[in-house]
Amino acid sequence: MGIARYGYDVVGTVVVLCAVLAVLVWVLIDPKSVKIALSVLLGAALLFTLYFFRDPDRSIPEGDRWVLAPADGKVLVVREVYESEFLKGDAIQVSIFMSPLNVHVNRFPVSGTVRHFRHIPGEYLMAFDEKSSSRNERTAIGIERGETRVLFTQIAGFIARRIVAEVQVGDQAVMGERFGMIKFGSRVDVFMPKGVRVLVHEGDTTVAGETVLAEQS
């Protein structure tokens, strides 16, 4: 298991900072018990950072009729909505909450051409708050394949303050491939045509690039 390239800057900074602080702790601080306690805290901070930015490989399902989960997490919402930004019609929304303990690398839910990309500044409400879908900072990515369109949004949360999306209009998306991440916990909403057969329920756990959210007709 490797480290996500989107986190190299953070991991590098934390490694250097922890190393410098560890040296200062052992040079400047007494007694030994305090040195050990502070060193353990620094080690825990480093281990958590490495754990957070882990990037495991995934087994991508074969076939082109699936809509995959773009994120690890828990399904918060499965419902019918009207999607006005890209699908411009009735749609099925599936929302996935990513806790700080989940893998945070995001993957394309479907293959196709990126026809829409927009970054929307906003607030930083808790990601499980329903208002976060429309009020928080987010990116909206729309993929088209034939007559089928899928829109998904990376939503920043209360803790997450940076969204990474290496996507441009005209790119060719490949189902299950990495394209970015949300740093330190948040939410992803997926909007699919109403005719899809949804295969997940609220409360289900998802694995990015492996869990099938729906089957396209």
Protein backbone atom coordinates (compact mmCIF):
# COMPACT_ATOMS: atom_id res chain seq x y z
CA MET A 1 0.00 0.00 0.00
CA GLY A 2 1.40 3.35 -1.03
CA ILE A 3 0.91 7.00 -0.09
CA ALA A 4 -1.43 9.09 -2.24
CA ARG A 5 0.52 11.50 -4.40
CA TYR A 6 -2.01 14.19 -3.47
CA GLY A 7 -0.65 14.06 0.08
CA TYR A 8 3.09 14.14 -0.56
CA ASP A 9 3.32 17.78 0.52
CA VAL A 10 1.48 17.22 3.80
CA VAL A 11 3.30 13.98 4.61
CA GLY A 12 6.68 15.55 3.87
CA THR A 13 5.92 18.55 6.08
CA VAL A 14 4.73 16.37 8.96
CA VAL A 15 7.79 14.08 8.73
CA VAL A 16 10.20 17.03 8.88
CA LEU A 17 8.24 18.78 11.62
CA CYS A 18 8.02 15.66 13.78
CA ALA A 19 11.74 14.96 13.33
CA VAL A 20 12.72 18.51 14.33
CA LEU A 21 10.38 18.53 17.32
CA ALA A 22 11.62 15.13 18.45
CA VAL A 23 15.21 16.38 18.46
CA LEU A 24 14.22 19.50 20.41
CA VAL A 25 12.25 17.42 22.92
CA TRP A 26 15.21 15.17 23.69
CA VAL A 27 17.70 18.07 23.86
CA LEU A 28 15.73 20.67 25.79
CA ILE A 29 13.12 18.93 27.92
CA ASP A 30 13.35 17.06 31.22
CA PRO A 31 12.49 14.68 32.85
CA LYS A 32 12.81 11.57 30.69
CA SER A 33 9.18 10.58 31.24
CA VAL A 34 8.05 13.83 29.60
CA LYS A 35 10.43 13.24 26.69
CA ILE A 36 8.94 9.81 26.14
CA ALA A 37 5.36 11.06 26.38
CA LEU A 38 5.94 13.86 23.86
CA SER A 39 7.80 11.51 21.53
CA VAL A 40 4.86 9.11 21.60
CA LEU A 41 2.50 11.96 20.69
CA LEU A 42 4.72 13.00 17.79
CA GLY A 43 4.91 9.40 16.61
CA ALA A 44 1.13 9.08 16.79
CA ALA A 45 0.70 12.26 14.73
CA LEU A 46 3.08 10.92 12.09
CA LEU A 47 1.40 7.51 11.96
CA PHE A 48 -2.04 9.08 11.62
CA THR A 49 -0.83 11.25 8.74
CA LEU A 50 0.61 8.23 6.93
CA TYR A 51 -2.58 6.28 7.61
CA PHE A 52 -4.81 9.07 6.36
CA PHE A 53 -2.96 9.44 3.06
CA ARG A 54 -2.79 5.70 2.35
CA ASP A 55 -3.69 4.70 -1.18
CA PRO A 56 -4.52 0.99 -1.55
CA ASP A 57 -5.04 -0.65 -4.92
CA ARG A 58 -8.59 -1.66 -5.77
CA SER A 59 -10.17 -4.44 -7.84
CA ILE A 60 -12.26 -2.61 -10.45
CA PRO A 61 -15.37 -4.54 -11.60
CA GLU A 62 -15.42 -5.52 -15.26
CA GLY A 63 -18.05 -4.15 -17.62
CA ASP A 64 -19.24 -0.69 -18.58
CA ARG A 65 -22.74 -0.62 -17.18
CA TRP A 66 -21.79 0.10 -13.58
CA VAL A 67 -21.72 3.34 -11.60
CA LEU A 68 -19.05 2.84 -8.95
CA ALA A 69 -18.58 4.58 -5.61
CA PRO A 70 -16.11 7.44 -6.06
CA ALA A 71 -15.28 7.42 -2.34
CA ASP A 72 -14.87 5.17 0.68
CA GLY A 73 -17.43 5.81 3.38
CA LYS A 74 -21.03 5.38 4.45
CA VAL A 75 -24.10 5.97 2.31
CA LEU A 76 -26.05 8.85 3.86
CA VAL A 77 -28.71 9.50 1.23
CA VAL A 78 -30.42 7.58 -1.58
CA ARG A 79 -33.25 9.59 -3.12
CA GLU A 80 -34.85 11.02 -6.23
CA VAL A 81 -34.05 14.67 -7.00
CA TYR A 82 -34.07 17.15 -9.85
CA GLU A 83 -30.48 17.81 -10.95
CA SER A 84 -30.23 21.16 -12.70
CA GLU A 85 -26.49 21.63 -13.27
CA PHE A 86 -25.52 18.85 -15.68
CA LEU A 87 -28.18 16.16 -16.04
CA LYS A 88 -30.90 18.84 -16.16
CA GLY A 89 -33.63 16.40 -15.23
CA ASP A 90 -34.88 13.86 -12.72
CA ALA A 91 -32.04 11.94 -11.12
CA ILE A 92 -31.04 9.55 -8.36
CA GLN A 93 -28.74 11.02 -5.72
CA VAL A 94 -26.42 8.85 -3.63
CA SER A 95 -24.40 10.67 -0.97
CA ILE A 96 -21.34 9.15 0.73
CA PHE A 97 -19.90 10.47 4.00
CA MET A 98 -16.13 10.11 4.41
CA SER A 99 -14.88 10.04 8.01
CA PRO A 100 -11.26 10.96 8.86
CA LEU A 101 -10.51 7.21 9.11
CA ASN A 102 -11.60 6.38 5.56
CA VAL A 103 -9.30 6.22 2.54
CA HIS A 104 -9.73 9.65 0.95
CA VAL A 105 -8.51 9.06 -2.61
CA ASN A 106 -11.42 9.58 -5.02
CA ARG A 107 -11.99 7.53 -8.18
CA PHE A 108 -14.07 8.04 -11.32
CA PRO A 109 -17.49 6.38 -10.94
CA VAL A 110 -17.92 5.84 -14.70
CA SER A 111 -15.95 5.98 -17.93
CA GLY A 112 -16.54 8.70 -20.49
CA THR A 113 -15.62 12.26 -21.43
CA VAL A 114 -15.48 15.01 -18.84
CA ARG A 115 -17.98 17.55 -20.17
CA HIS A 116 -18.39 19.69 -17.06
CA PHE A 117 -16.11 20.92 -14.30
CA ARG A 118 -16.81 23.70 -11.83
CA HIS A 119 -15.32 24.79 -8.52
CA ILE A 120 -17.84 26.45 -6.22
CA PRO A 121 -16.59 28.47 -3.21
CA GLY A 122 -18.68 28.10 -0.10
CA GLU A 123 -18.98 27.32 3.59
CA TYR A 124 -17.62 24.47 5.71
CA LEU A 125 -20.65 22.92 7.35
CA MET A 126 -20.45 19.41 8.79
CA ALA A 127 -20.44 17.03 5.82
CA PHE A 128 -23.35 14.97 7.18
CA ASP A 129 -25.51 18.13 7.26
CA GLU A 130 -27.84 18.01 4.24
CA LYS A 131 -27.23 21.73 3.62
CA SER A 132 -23.56 21.00 2.90
CA SER A 133 -24.47 19.74 -0.59
CA SER A 134 -25.56 23.21 -1.67
CA ARG A 135 -23.67 25.54 0.69
CA ASN A 136 -20.18 24.10 1.16
CA GLU A 137 -17.15 24.58 -1.03
CA ARG A 138 -17.21 21.86 -3.68
CA THR A 139 -16.26 20.74 -7.16
CA ALA A 140 -18.83 19.46 -9.66
CA ILE A 141 -17.64 16.99 -12.30
CA GLY A 142 -19.88 15.82 -15.13
CA ILE A 143 -19.07 12.79 -17.30
CA GLU A 144 -20.85 11.89 -20.53
CA ARG A 145 -20.81 8.57 -22.34
CA GLY A 146 -23.13 8.32 -25.29
CA GLU A 147 -26.48 9.59 -24.08
CA THR A 148 -25.74 8.87 -20.41
CA ARG A 149 -24.60 11.57 -18.03
CA VAL A 150 -23.36 11.28 -14.43
CA LEU A 151 -22.50 14.18 -12.15
CA PHE A 152 -20.57 13.88 -8.90
CA THR A 153 -19.45 16.51 -6.42
CA GLN A 154 -16.55 16.57 -3.97
CA ILE A 155 -17.77 18.52 -0.95
CA ALA A 156 -15.47 20.07 1.67
CA GLY A 157 -16.56 19.59 5.27
CA PHE A 158 -15.92 21.12 8.67
CA ILE A 159 -12.47 19.54 8.91
CA ALA A 160 -11.69 19.14 5.22
CA ARG A 161 -10.45 22.43 3.82
CA ARG A 162 -8.85 21.37 0.56
CA ILE A 163 -10.26 19.55 -2.43
CA VAL A 164 -7.92 18.06 -5.04
CA ALA A 165 -9.39 17.30 -8.48
CA GLU A 166 -6.98 16.67 -11.35
CA VAL A 167 -9.73 17.05 -13.94
CA GLN A 168 -10.27 19.23 -17.00
CA VAL A 169 -13.11 19.42 -19.49
CA GLY A 170 -12.28 17.14 -22.39
CA ASP A 171 -10.38 14.58 -20.31
CA GLN A 172 -11.17 10.91 -20.78
CA ALA A 173 -12.32 9.43 -17.49
CA VAL A 174 -11.78 5.72 -16.85
CA MET A 175 -14.04 4.01 -14.34
CA GLY A 176 -12.18 3.27 -11.11
CA GLU A 177 -9.11 5.39 -11.86
CA ARG A 178 -7.89 7.92 -9.30
CA PHE A 179 -8.53 11.59 -9.99
CA GLY A 180 -8.16 13.40 -6.65
CA MET A 181 -9.07 13.48 -2.98
CA ILE A 182 -10.67 15.54 -0.22
CA LYS A 183 -8.25 16.12 2.65
CA PHE A 184 -9.42 15.23 6.16
CA GLY A 185 -12.98 13.93 5.85
CA SER A 186 -15.98 15.10 3.87
CA ARG A 187 -18.70 14.00 1.45
CA VAL A 188 -19.26 13.00 -2.17
CA ASP A 189 -22.65 13.25 -3.93
CA VAL A 190 -23.35 11.23 -7.09
CA PHE A 191 -26.24 12.08 -9.43
CA MET A 192 -27.33 9.43 -11.94
CA PRO A 193 -30.15 9.22 -14.49
CA LYS A 194 -33.43 8.18 -12.94
CA GLY A 195 -33.54 4.97 -14.97
CA VAL A 196 -30.58 3.32 -13.21
CA ARG A 197 -31.07 0.36 -10.89
CA VAL A 198 -29.72 1.43 -7.50
CA LEU A 199 -27.83 -1.34 -5.69
CA VAL A 200 -27.00 0.37 -2.37
CA HIS A 201 -29.07 1.54 0.58
CA GLU A 202 -28.68 4.18 3.26
CA GLY A 203 -26.25 2.94 5.89
CA ASP A 204 -24.23 0.76 3.49
CA THR A 205 -20.44 0.99 3.46
CA THR A 206 -18.72 1.82 0.17
CA VAL A 207 -15.24 1.19 -1.21
CA ALA A 208 -14.07 3.58 -3.93
CA GLY A 209 -13.60 1.88 -7.26
CA GLU A 210 -15.13 -1.41 -6.07
CA THR A 211 -18.61 -0.87 -4.66
CA VAL A 212 -21.30 -0.71 -7.36
CA LEU A 213 -23.78 2.07 -6.62
CA ALA A 214 -26.06 1.37 -9.57
CA GLU A 215 -26.46 -0.48 -12.83
CA GLN A 216 -27.08 1.62 -15.93
CA SER A 217 -29.93 0.61 -18.20
